[in-house]
């Protein structure tokens, strides 16, 4: 819920009104749903430009800049790109874990029947791209077989950000389905990373990690909801998991699964308590004095804040607080440090890049074909129902937007070809090219929808809103 304060109720500082003329557009930009996608595009373009111009040495210096701690004979020093790929990105996976937990317990994936279409689409969007990658690799005689997981991923922030730009041309069901699909898709990607893209497992560290995870679970059962406990325990879990051979991002998912999903108090207590606080606050309210002069009013306002926290769940509260910083800061930084691929000097050399073509075609062809095919067969067989506001071309367009793999695909590429920078660059170039082509095709399909189709979708959406109101 967006809280909007009208100007007549505002209490301004001397220069605040002038400053708001600059600040308000910035706030609107940050709160816009498409901003995360636009920032990812900007970060990617900046990295590509720097890597292919006279700024290349500056770009290398930034990515290889070493940060860390040194104490006595010990040290913990890594390059900027290593810190981001092994540490900062774990926050993204933690947020992803919170979203997965919420969707399963209370969201789109709660009811198996209603979630079946998204699950079927996600399976098609994982199986067919992986098979496409392997087929292209076989056809072109490549040796980068381990990269089969790259084309399975969907970048939710990118896809949703671009879909929002299309407005009413996109049926509401498309937005719901691609969100649910991406959640299932991410579950598959996390599973693939944990099982297939890990080093030799150090059992001792894995045991320590299991102990830390067990303590966090116990804290959940004991009703501990203090954010600092889970932050510290999560860092301990990350340290052990990252040294166990299992990739550190697994710690983010595991930590999220331990976050409590029950509030301290029920909604009846919340309503009664807030009414009492508001009643007392109103009695003390006076036009002759401000809250600065009314200490009791200040205390009541603080009490209202505490009451609101007791009636909300940590999993929802932390998810909402982390969403903006991660989508607007963590992911663009990740994109900037990982998307700086040197473009080939001539197009002829591209033909000798099997990994490039496998990633590109896996995303651009495998994703939409897999999603459309699995959806079509499932609906025709009667296993799932097709949303009333969607036509089959919408499924194809949705599949194209799901082909924007980007963030997760870049991440898996680094794991698949660890240490082989030539193969990593081929994969990154294929990911970026495949994602761009997928977005362009998805845009084209939605933009070329007939006026009749758009009008019909609007009528269905209006009917659904009216039914909800009744």
Protein backbone atom coordinates (compact mmCIF):
# COMPACT_ATOMS: atom_id res chain seq x y z
CA UNK A 1 0.00 0.00 0.00
CA UNK A 2 1.40 3.37 -1.07
CA UNK A 3 1.11 6.08 1.60
CA UNK A 4 0.50 9.51 0.11
CA UNK A 5 0.44 12.69 2.22
CA UNK A 6 -1.37 15.65 0.70
CA UNK A 7 0.42 18.98 0.79
CA UNK A 8 -1.99 20.53 3.29
CA UNK A 9 -1.04 17.85 5.83
CA UNK A 10 2.72 18.24 5.30
CA UNK A 11 5.05 20.00 7.70
CA UNK A 12 7.91 21.32 5.59
CA UNK A 13 11.41 22.39 6.52
CA UNK A 14 12.49 25.84 5.21
CA UNK A 15 14.08 24.58 1.95
CA UNK A 16 12.16 21.29 1.62
CA UNK A 17 9.66 22.42 -1.05
CA UNK A 18 12.42 23.50 -3.43
CA UNK A 19 14.37 20.33 -2.76
CA UNK A 20 11.26 18.17 -3.44
CA UNK A 21 11.20 19.41 -7.03
CA UNK A 22 14.45 17.53 -7.53
CA UNK A 23 13.82 14.66 -5.11
CA UNK A 24 10.27 13.68 -6.17
CA UNK A 25 11.18 12.64 -9.76
CA UNK A 26 14.04 10.57 -8.31
CA UNK A 27 11.69 8.90 -5.81
CA UNK A 28 9.18 8.17 -8.59
CA UNK A 29 11.96 6.63 -10.70
CA UNK A 30 13.11 4.40 -7.82
CA UNK A 31 9.58 3.21 -7.02
CA UNK A 32 8.75 2.42 -10.67
CA UNK A 33 8.54 -1.32 -11.40
CA UNK A 34 10.58 -1.00 -14.60
CA UNK A 35 13.49 0.80 -12.91
CA UNK A 36 15.32 -2.41 -11.90
CA UNK A 37 15.27 -3.63 -15.50
CA UNK A 38 16.44 -0.25 -16.82
CA UNK A 39 19.34 -0.16 -14.34
CA UNK A 40 20.38 -3.67 -15.38
CA UNK A 41 20.37 -2.56 -19.03
CA UNK A 42 22.42 0.54 -18.17
CA UNK A 43 24.95 -1.46 -16.11
CA UNK A 44 25.31 -4.02 -18.92
CA UNK A 45 25.79 -1.39 -21.64
CA UNK A 46 28.31 0.49 -19.51
CA UNK A 47 30.31 -2.70 -18.92
CA UNK A 48 30.21 -3.61 -22.65
CA UNK A 49 31.28 -0.12 -23.70
CA UNK A 50 34.16 0.02 -21.23
CA UNK A 51 35.36 -3.48 -22.16
CA UNK A 52 35.47 -2.62 -25.88
CA UNK A 53 36.93 0.91 -25.83
CA UNK A 54 39.97 2.70 -24.46
CA UNK A 55 38.38 2.31 -21.02
CA UNK A 56 39.12 -1.42 -20.97
CA UNK A 57 42.07 -1.07 -18.58
CA UNK A 58 39.95 0.97 -16.19
CA UNK A 59 37.25 -1.73 -16.34
CA UNK A 60 39.81 -4.46 -15.62
CA UNK A 61 41.22 -2.43 -12.73
CA UNK A 62 37.73 -2.11 -11.20
CA UNK A 63 36.83 -5.81 -11.55
CA UNK A 64 40.25 -6.97 -10.27
CA UNK A 65 40.52 -4.40 -7.46
CA UNK A 66 41.36 -6.33 -4.29
CA UNK A 67 39.48 -5.85 -1.05
CA UNK A 68 39.72 -7.69 2.24
CA UNK A 69 41.31 -8.04 5.65
CA UNK A 70 44.85 -8.89 6.74
CA UNK A 71 45.69 -9.93 10.29
CA UNK A 72 49.07 -11.32 11.32
CA UNK A 73 49.84 -14.27 9.06
CA UNK A 74 46.24 -14.60 7.91
CA UNK A 75 44.32 -12.73 5.25
CA UNK A 76 40.94 -12.66 3.54
CA UNK A 77 41.48 -10.80 0.28
CA UNK A 78 39.52 -11.18 -2.97
CA UNK A 79 38.93 -9.15 -6.12
CA UNK A 80 35.80 -7.01 -6.42
CA UNK A 81 34.18 -9.44 -8.87
CA UNK A 82 34.91 -12.39 -6.53
CA UNK A 83 33.38 -10.57 -3.54
CA UNK A 84 30.26 -9.84 -5.57
CA UNK A 85 29.94 -13.33 -7.09
CA UNK A 86 30.65 -15.17 -3.84
CA UNK A 87 29.32 -12.75 -1.25
CA UNK A 88 27.05 -9.89 -2.30
CA UNK A 89 25.00 -12.03 -4.70
CA UNK A 90 24.11 -14.28 -1.74
CA UNK A 91 21.75 -11.47 -0.64
CA UNK A 92 19.91 -11.91 -3.94
CA UNK A 93 19.56 -15.63 -3.28
CA UNK A 94 18.37 -14.89 0.26
CA UNK A 95 15.65 -12.64 -1.15
CA UNK A 96 14.89 -15.34 -3.71
CA UNK A 97 14.51 -17.85 -0.88
CA UNK A 98 12.09 -15.53 0.94
CA UNK A 99 10.01 -15.18 -2.23
CA UNK A 100 9.98 -18.94 -2.80
CA UNK A 101 8.92 -19.58 0.80
CA UNK A 102 6.14 -16.98 0.60
CA UNK A 103 4.84 -18.22 -2.77
CA UNK A 104 4.67 -21.83 -1.53
CA UNK A 105 2.99 -20.98 1.79
CA UNK A 106 0.65 -18.17 0.77
CA UNK A 107 1.20 -17.11 -2.82
CA UNK A 108 0.71 -18.37 -6.37
CA UNK A 109 2.20 -21.79 -5.59
CA UNK A 110 0.10 -22.51 -2.49
CA UNK A 111 -2.62 -24.45 -4.30
CA UNK A 112 -1.13 -27.16 -6.50
CA UNK A 113 -4.01 -27.01 -8.97
CA UNK A 114 -3.68 -23.26 -9.57
CA UNK A 115 0.12 -23.53 -9.64
CA UNK A 116 0.21 -26.44 -12.08
CA UNK A 117 0.26 -24.27 -15.21
CA UNK A 118 3.26 -22.27 -13.91
CA UNK A 119 5.02 -25.49 -12.88
CA UNK A 120 4.41 -27.09 -16.31
CA UNK A 121 5.63 -23.95 -18.08
CA UNK A 122 8.73 -23.78 -15.89
CA UNK A 123 9.56 -27.43 -16.63
CA UNK A 124 9.27 -26.76 -20.35
CA UNK A 125 11.40 -23.64 -19.90
CA UNK A 126 14.14 -25.69 -18.23
CA UNK A 127 14.14 -29.01 -20.11
CA UNK A 128 13.91 -27.77 -23.71
CA UNK A 129 16.57 -24.99 -23.37
CA UNK A 130 18.99 -27.49 -21.77
CA UNK A 131 18.34 -29.99 -24.59
CA UNK A 132 18.71 -27.21 -27.17
CA UNK A 133 22.07 -26.27 -25.67
CA UNK A 134 23.28 -29.88 -25.79
CA UNK A 135 21.98 -30.35 -29.36
CA UNK A 136 23.79 -27.23 -30.61
CA UNK A 137 26.95 -28.29 -28.79
CA UNK A 138 26.79 -31.70 -30.50
CA UNK A 139 25.98 -30.18 -33.89
CA UNK A 140 28.88 -27.71 -33.79
CA UNK A 141 31.34 -30.14 -32.19
CA UNK A 142 31.89 -28.04 -29.07
CA UNK A 143 33.31 -29.23 -25.77
CA UNK A 144 31.47 -26.94 -23.35
CA UNK A 145 28.91 -29.54 -22.30
CA UNK A 146 28.94 -28.42 -18.67
CA UNK A 147 27.19 -25.19 -19.65
CA UNK A 148 23.82 -26.90 -20.22
CA UNK A 149 22.32 -25.18 -17.15
CA UNK A 150 22.99 -21.65 -18.47
CA UNK A 151 19.92 -21.46 -20.74
CA UNK A 152 17.52 -22.68 -18.04
CA UNK A 153 17.38 -19.40 -16.12
CA UNK A 154 14.91 -16.49 -16.22
CA UNK A 155 15.76 -12.98 -15.00
CA UNK A 156 12.53 -11.98 -13.24
CA UNK A 157 13.50 -8.33 -12.63
CA UNK A 158 14.46 -7.81 -16.26
CA UNK A 159 11.40 -9.60 -17.66
CA UNK A 160 8.85 -7.90 -15.38
CA UNK A 161 10.47 -4.50 -15.85
CA UNK A 162 10.11 -4.74 -19.62
CA UNK A 163 6.58 -6.19 -19.47
CA UNK A 164 5.45 -3.25 -17.33
CA UNK A 165 6.54 -0.90 -20.14
CA UNK A 166 3.97 -2.54 -22.44
CA UNK A 167 1.09 -1.57 -20.15
CA UNK A 168 -2.40 -2.75 -21.14
CA UNK A 169 -1.09 -4.80 -24.06
CA UNK A 170 -0.02 -7.45 -21.56
CA UNK A 171 -2.84 -9.55 -20.03
CA UNK A 172 -2.79 -9.61 -16.23
CA UNK A 173 -2.40 -13.41 -16.26
CA UNK A 174 0.91 -13.06 -18.11
CA UNK A 175 2.41 -11.03 -15.25
CA UNK A 176 1.14 -13.52 -12.67
CA UNK A 177 2.32 -16.55 -14.63
CA UNK A 178 5.79 -15.25 -15.43
CA UNK A 179 6.32 -14.39 -11.74
CA UNK A 180 5.24 -17.86 -10.60
CA UNK A 181 7.15 -19.48 -13.47
CA UNK A 182 10.31 -17.59 -12.54
CA UNK A 183 10.00 -18.76 -8.91
CA UNK A 184 9.79 -22.42 -10.00
CA UNK A 185 12.54 -21.75 -12.54
CA UNK A 186 14.76 -20.33 -9.80
CA UNK A 187 14.12 -23.39 -7.62
CA UNK A 188 15.37 -25.53 -10.50
CA UNK A 189 18.40 -23.28 -11.03
CA UNK A 190 19.32 -23.41 -7.34
CA UNK A 191 19.01 -27.21 -7.39
CA UNK A 192 21.19 -27.44 -10.51
CA UNK A 193 23.83 -25.15 -8.97
CA UNK A 194 23.89 -27.15 -5.73
CA UNK A 195 24.10 -30.56 -7.44
CA UNK A 196 26.11 -29.96 -10.61
CA UNK A 197 28.17 -26.80 -10.16
CA UNK A 198 30.03 -27.42 -6.92
CA UNK A 199 33.67 -28.28 -6.19
CA UNK A 200 34.86 -31.19 -4.11
CA UNK A 201 32.82 -31.23 -0.92
CA UNK A 202 34.65 -30.76 2.39
CA UNK A 203 32.54 -32.82 4.78
CA UNK A 204 33.81 -31.10 7.93
CA UNK A 205 32.73 -27.62 6.79
CA UNK A 206 29.50 -29.05 5.43
CA UNK A 207 28.82 -30.50 8.89
CA UNK A 208 29.50 -27.14 10.54
CA UNK A 209 27.13 -25.54 8.03
CA UNK A 210 24.46 -28.13 8.82
CA UNK A 211 24.87 -27.33 12.53
CA UNK A 212 24.46 -23.58 11.88
CA UNK A 213 21.37 -24.26 9.75
CA UNK A 214 19.92 -26.48 12.51
CA UNK A 215 20.43 -23.71 15.09
CA UNK A 216 18.59 -21.25 12.82
CA UNK A 217 15.71 -23.72 12.41
CA UNK A 218 15.58 -24.22 16.17
CA UNK A 219 15.47 -20.45 16.66
CA UNK A 220 12.48 -20.34 14.31
CA UNK A 221 10.66 -23.01 16.35
CA UNK A 222 11.52 -21.17 19.58
CA UNK A 223 9.88 -18.02 18.23
CA UNK A 224 13.03 -15.91 17.88
CA UNK A 225 12.25 -13.11 15.41
CA UNK A 226 15.24 -10.78 16.01
CA UNK A 227 16.76 -9.73 12.69
CA UNK A 228 20.30 -9.46 14.08
CA UNK A 229 20.27 -13.11 15.16
CA UNK A 230 19.42 -14.33 11.66
CA UNK A 231 21.92 -11.92 10.12
CA UNK A 232 24.79 -13.17 12.28
CA UNK A 233 23.76 -16.84 11.99
CA UNK A 234 23.36 -16.38 8.23
CA UNK A 235 26.91 -15.02 7.95
CA UNK A 236 28.22 -18.03 9.89
CA UNK A 237 26.24 -20.36 7.60
CA UNK A 238 27.60 -18.56 4.52
CA UNK A 239 31.18 -18.91 5.77
CA UNK A 240 30.91 -22.67 6.34
CA UNK A 241 29.00 -23.36 3.12
CA UNK A 242 31.42 -21.30 1.00
CA UNK A 243 34.34 -23.33 2.41
CA UNK A 244 32.57 -26.68 2.03
CA UNK A 245 32.74 -26.81 -1.77
CA UNK A 246 28.99 -26.23 -2.16
CA UNK A 247 28.48 -22.80 -3.72
CA UNK A 248 27.93 -19.99 -1.22
CA UNK A 249 24.59 -18.97 -2.78
CA UNK A 250 23.07 -22.14 -1.31
CA UNK A 251 23.55 -20.52 2.11
CA UNK A 252 21.29 -17.65 1.05
CA UNK A 253 18.46 -20.01 0.13
CA UNK A 254 18.89 -22.10 3.30
CA UNK A 255 18.96 -19.03 5.55
CA UNK A 256 15.74 -17.74 3.97
CA UNK A 257 14.00 -21.03 4.72
CA UNK A 258 14.58 -20.49 8.46
CA UNK A 259 12.96 -17.03 8.56
CA UNK A 260 9.75 -17.06 10.68
CA UNK A 261 6.41 -16.85 8.87
CA UNK A 262 4.16 -16.15 11.86
CA UNK A 263 3.57 -12.74 13.47
CA UNK A 264 3.81 -12.24 17.21
CA UNK A 265 0.15 -11.18 17.54
CA UNK A 266 -3.04 -11.88 15.59
CA UNK A 267 -5.02 -9.30 13.61
CA UNK A 268 -7.71 -8.86 16.31
CA UNK A 269 -5.10 -7.80 18.87
CA UNK A 270 -3.55 -5.49 16.27
CA UNK A 271 -6.89 -3.79 15.50
CA UNK A 272 -7.82 -3.33 19.18
CA UNK A 273 -4.37 -2.03 20.16
CA UNK A 274 -4.14 0.40 17.25
CA UNK A 275 -7.62 1.77 17.99
CA UNK A 276 -6.59 2.45 21.61
CA UNK A 277 -3.37 4.19 20.52
CA UNK A 278 -5.17 6.27 17.89
CA UNK A 279 -7.88 7.26 20.37
CA UNK A 280 -5.31 8.47 22.92
CA UNK A 281 -3.29 10.20 20.19
CA UNK A 282 -6.37 12.05 18.95
CA UNK A 283 -7.25 13.26 22.47
CA UNK A 284 -3.80 14.78 22.84
CA UNK A 285 -3.86 16.32 19.36
CA UNK A 286 -3.85 20.11 19.30
CA UNK A 287 -3.39 22.75 16.60
CA UNK A 288 -1.48 24.90 19.08
CA UNK A 289 1.30 22.36 19.64
CA UNK A 290 3.39 20.02 17.51
CA UNK A 291 4.43 16.45 18.22
CA UNK A 292 7.83 17.83 19.18
CA UNK A 293 6.17 19.50 22.14
CA UNK A 294 3.92 16.53 22.95
CA UNK A 295 6.19 13.81 24.32
CA UNK A 296 3.22 11.51 25.00
CA UNK A 297 2.11 11.79 21.37
CA UNK A 298 5.63 10.85 20.30
CA UNK A 299 5.53 7.81 22.57
CA UNK A 300 2.14 6.78 21.18
CA UNK A 301 3.45 7.07 17.61
CA UNK A 302 6.38 4.83 18.58
CA UNK A 303 3.93 2.38 20.17
CA UNK A 304 1.95 2.27 16.91
CA UNK A 305 5.15 1.40 15.06
CA UNK A 306 5.91 -1.45 17.48
CA UNK A 307 2.34 -2.74 17.27
CA UNK A 308 2.51 -2.84 13.47
CA UNK A 309 5.69 -4.93 13.63
CA UNK A 310 4.09 -7.46 15.96
CA UNK A 311 1.27 -8.05 13.47
CA UNK A 312 3.46 -8.55 10.38
CA UNK A 313 5.53 -11.61 9.51
CA UNK A 314 9.34 -11.40 9.30
CA UNK A 315 9.34 -13.17 5.92
CA UNK A 316 7.13 -10.45 4.39
CA UNK A 317 8.74 -7.55 6.25
CA UNK A 318 12.31 -8.51 5.34
CA UNK A 319 11.32 -9.28 1.78
CA UNK A 320 9.85 -5.81 1.27
CA UNK A 321 12.86 -4.11 2.88
CA UNK A 322 15.44 -6.03 0.83
CA UNK A 323 13.66 -5.87 -2.51
CA UNK A 324 14.66 -2.34 -3.53
CA UNK A 325 18.31 -2.37 -2.33
CA UNK A 326 18.96 -5.71 -4.06
CA UNK A 327 17.16 -4.93 -7.32
CA UNK A 328 18.51 -1.37 -7.56
CA UNK A 329 22.02 -1.90 -6.21
CA UNK A 330 23.20 -5.51 -5.87
CA UNK A 331 22.01 -6.78 -9.27
CA UNK A 332 23.28 -3.76 -11.29
CA UNK A 333 26.69 -4.09 -9.58
CA UNK A 334 26.71 -7.80 -10.42
CA UNK A 335 25.76 -7.04 -14.04
CA UNK A 336 28.42 -4.35 -14.39
CA UNK A 337 31.23 -6.54 -13.05
CA UNK A 338 30.22 -9.61 -15.10
CA UNK A 339 28.87 -8.30 -18.41
CA UNK A 340 32.07 -6.72 -19.73
CA UNK A 341 32.63 -9.07 -22.68
CA UNK A 342 35.08 -8.22 -25.45
CA UNK A 343 33.21 -8.41 -28.75
CA UNK A 344 34.79 -10.44 -31.59
CA UNK A 345 36.69 -8.47 -34.24
CA UNK A 346 34.70 -9.97 -37.12
CA UNK A 347 31.51 -11.95 -37.58
CA UNK A 348 33.40 -14.91 -39.08
CA UNK A 349 34.95 -15.72 -35.70
CA UNK A 350 31.47 -16.04 -34.16
CA UNK A 351 30.83 -19.17 -36.24
CA UNK A 352 33.64 -20.87 -34.33
CA UNK A 353 31.99 -20.28 -30.95
CA UNK A 354 29.78 -23.31 -30.11
CA UNK A 355 29.15 -22.06 -26.57
CA UNK A 356 27.96 -18.70 -27.92
CA UNK A 357 25.42 -20.33 -30.25
CA UNK A 358 24.32 -22.90 -27.66
CA UNK A 359 23.55 -20.17 -25.07
CA UNK A 360 21.92 -17.87 -27.61
CA UNK A 361 19.66 -20.51 -29.16
CA UNK A 362 18.92 -22.12 -25.79
CA UNK A 363 17.45 -18.82 -24.56
CA UNK A 364 16.02 -17.46 -27.81
CA UNK A 365 14.57 -20.72 -29.21
CA UNK A 366 14.56 -23.25 -26.36
CA UNK A 367 12.76 -21.08 -23.78
CA UNK A 368 9.72 -19.96 -25.84
CA UNK A 369 9.38 -23.33 -27.61
CA UNK A 370 9.59 -25.27 -24.33
CA UNK A 371 7.12 -23.04 -22.49
CA UNK A 372 4.66 -22.91 -25.39
CA UNK A 373 4.87 -26.65 -26.16
CA UNK A 374 4.47 -27.83 -22.55
CA UNK A 375 1.59 -25.37 -21.99
CA UNK A 376 -0.22 -26.34 -25.20
CA UNK A 377 0.01 -30.08 -24.55
CA UNK A 378 -1.03 -29.72 -20.89
CA UNK A 379 -4.09 -27.61 -21.76
CA UNK A 380 -5.12 -29.93 -24.61
CA UNK A 381 -4.75 -32.97 -22.33
CA UNK A 382 -6.93 -31.27 -19.73
CA UNK A 383 -4.27 -31.25 -17.01
CA UNK A 384 -4.39 -27.46 -16.59
CA UNK A 385 -6.69 -24.60 -17.57
CA UNK A 386 -5.73 -21.75 -19.89
CA UNK A 387 -6.42 -18.29 -18.39
CA UNK A 388 -9.42 -16.65 -20.07
CA UNK A 389 -7.55 -13.42 -20.85
CA UNK A 390 -4.67 -15.17 -22.66
CA UNK A 391 -4.42 -16.34 -26.27
CA UNK A 392 -1.79 -18.78 -27.51
CA UNK A 393 0.34 -15.99 -28.94
CA UNK A 394 0.52 -14.60 -25.38
CA UNK A 395 2.10 -17.88 -24.25
CA UNK A 396 4.70 -17.53 -26.99
CA UNK A 397 5.41 -13.91 -26.01
CA UNK A 398 5.66 -14.91 -22.34
CA UNK A 399 8.16 -17.62 -23.34
CA UNK A 400 10.24 -14.98 -25.13
CA UNK A 401 10.39 -12.77 -22.04
CA UNK A 402 11.31 -15.83 -19.97
CA UNK A 403 14.22 -16.21 -22.41
CA UNK A 404 15.82 -13.15 -20.81
CA UNK A 405 18.18 -15.24 -18.70
CA UNK A 406 20.77 -12.59 -17.95
CA UNK A 407 21.57 -12.35 -14.18
CA UNK A 408 21.16 -16.02 -13.27
CA UNK A 409 22.57 -17.19 -16.62
CA UNK A 410 25.69 -15.04 -16.19
CA UNK A 411 26.08 -16.46 -12.70
CA UNK A 412 25.79 -20.09 -13.86
CA UNK A 413 28.23 -19.38 -16.73
CA UNK A 414 30.87 -18.32 -14.21
CA UNK A 415 30.36 -21.59 -12.33
CA UNK A 416 30.21 -23.81 -15.42
CA UNK A 417 33.45 -22.59 -16.99
CA UNK A 418 35.30 -21.52 -13.86
CA UNK A 419 38.80 -20.27 -14.71
CA UNK A 420 38.32 -20.59 -18.52
CA UNK A 421 37.87 -16.94 -19.50
CA UNK A 422 37.56 -17.65 -23.22
CA UNK A 423 34.60 -19.96 -22.71
CA UNK A 424 33.08 -17.63 -20.10
CA UNK A 425 33.23 -14.72 -22.56
CA UNK A 426 31.60 -16.85 -25.28
CA UNK A 427 28.82 -17.81 -22.88
CA UNK A 428 28.31 -14.22 -21.72
CA UNK A 429 28.13 -12.98 -25.32
CA UNK A 430 25.56 -15.68 -26.10
CA UNK A 431 23.54 -14.85 -22.97
CA UNK A 432 23.44 -11.13 -23.75
CA UNK A 433 22.60 -11.72 -27.43
CA UNK A 434 19.95 -14.34 -26.64
CA UNK A 435 18.37 -12.13 -23.97
CA UNK A 436 18.23 -9.13 -26.31
CA UNK A 437 16.70 -11.14 -29.17
CA UNK A 438 14.19 -12.72 -26.77
CA UNK A 439 13.12 -9.30 -25.47
CA UNK A 440 12.80 -7.87 -29.00
CA UNK A 441 10.67 -10.81 -30.19
CA UNK A 442 8.50 -10.66 -27.05
CA UNK A 443 7.94 -6.93 -27.54
CA UNK A 444 7.10 -7.47 -31.21
CA UNK A 445 4.48 -10.13 -30.47
CA UNK A 446 2.72 -7.97 -27.87
CA UNK A 447 2.98 -4.76 -29.91
CA UNK A 448 1.48 -6.42 -33.01
CA UNK A 449 -1.58 -7.74 -31.14
CA UNK A 450 -4.74 -6.71 -32.92
CA UNK A 451 -6.95 -4.02 -31.40
CA UNK A 452 -9.68 -6.63 -31.03
CA UNK A 453 -7.39 -8.86 -28.90
CA UNK A 454 -6.41 -5.95 -26.67
CA UNK A 455 -10.03 -4.87 -26.24
CA UNK A 456 -11.06 -8.43 -25.36
CA UNK A 457 -8.26 -8.73 -22.77
CA UNK A 458 -9.30 -5.40 -21.20
CA UNK A 459 -12.92 -6.59 -20.95
CA UNK A 460 -11.80 -9.81 -19.23
CA UNK A 461 -9.62 -7.85 -16.78
CA UNK A 462 -12.46 -5.41 -16.03
CA UNK A 463 -14.86 -8.32 -15.50
CA UNK A 464 -12.44 -9.98 -13.06
CA UNK A 465 -12.08 -6.71 -11.11
CA UNK A 466 -15.86 -6.26 -10.93
CA UNK A 467 -16.35 -9.86 -9.75
CA UNK A 468 -13.74 -9.29 -7.04
CA UNK A 469 -15.53 -6.13 -5.87
CA UNK A 470 -18.87 -7.94 -5.71
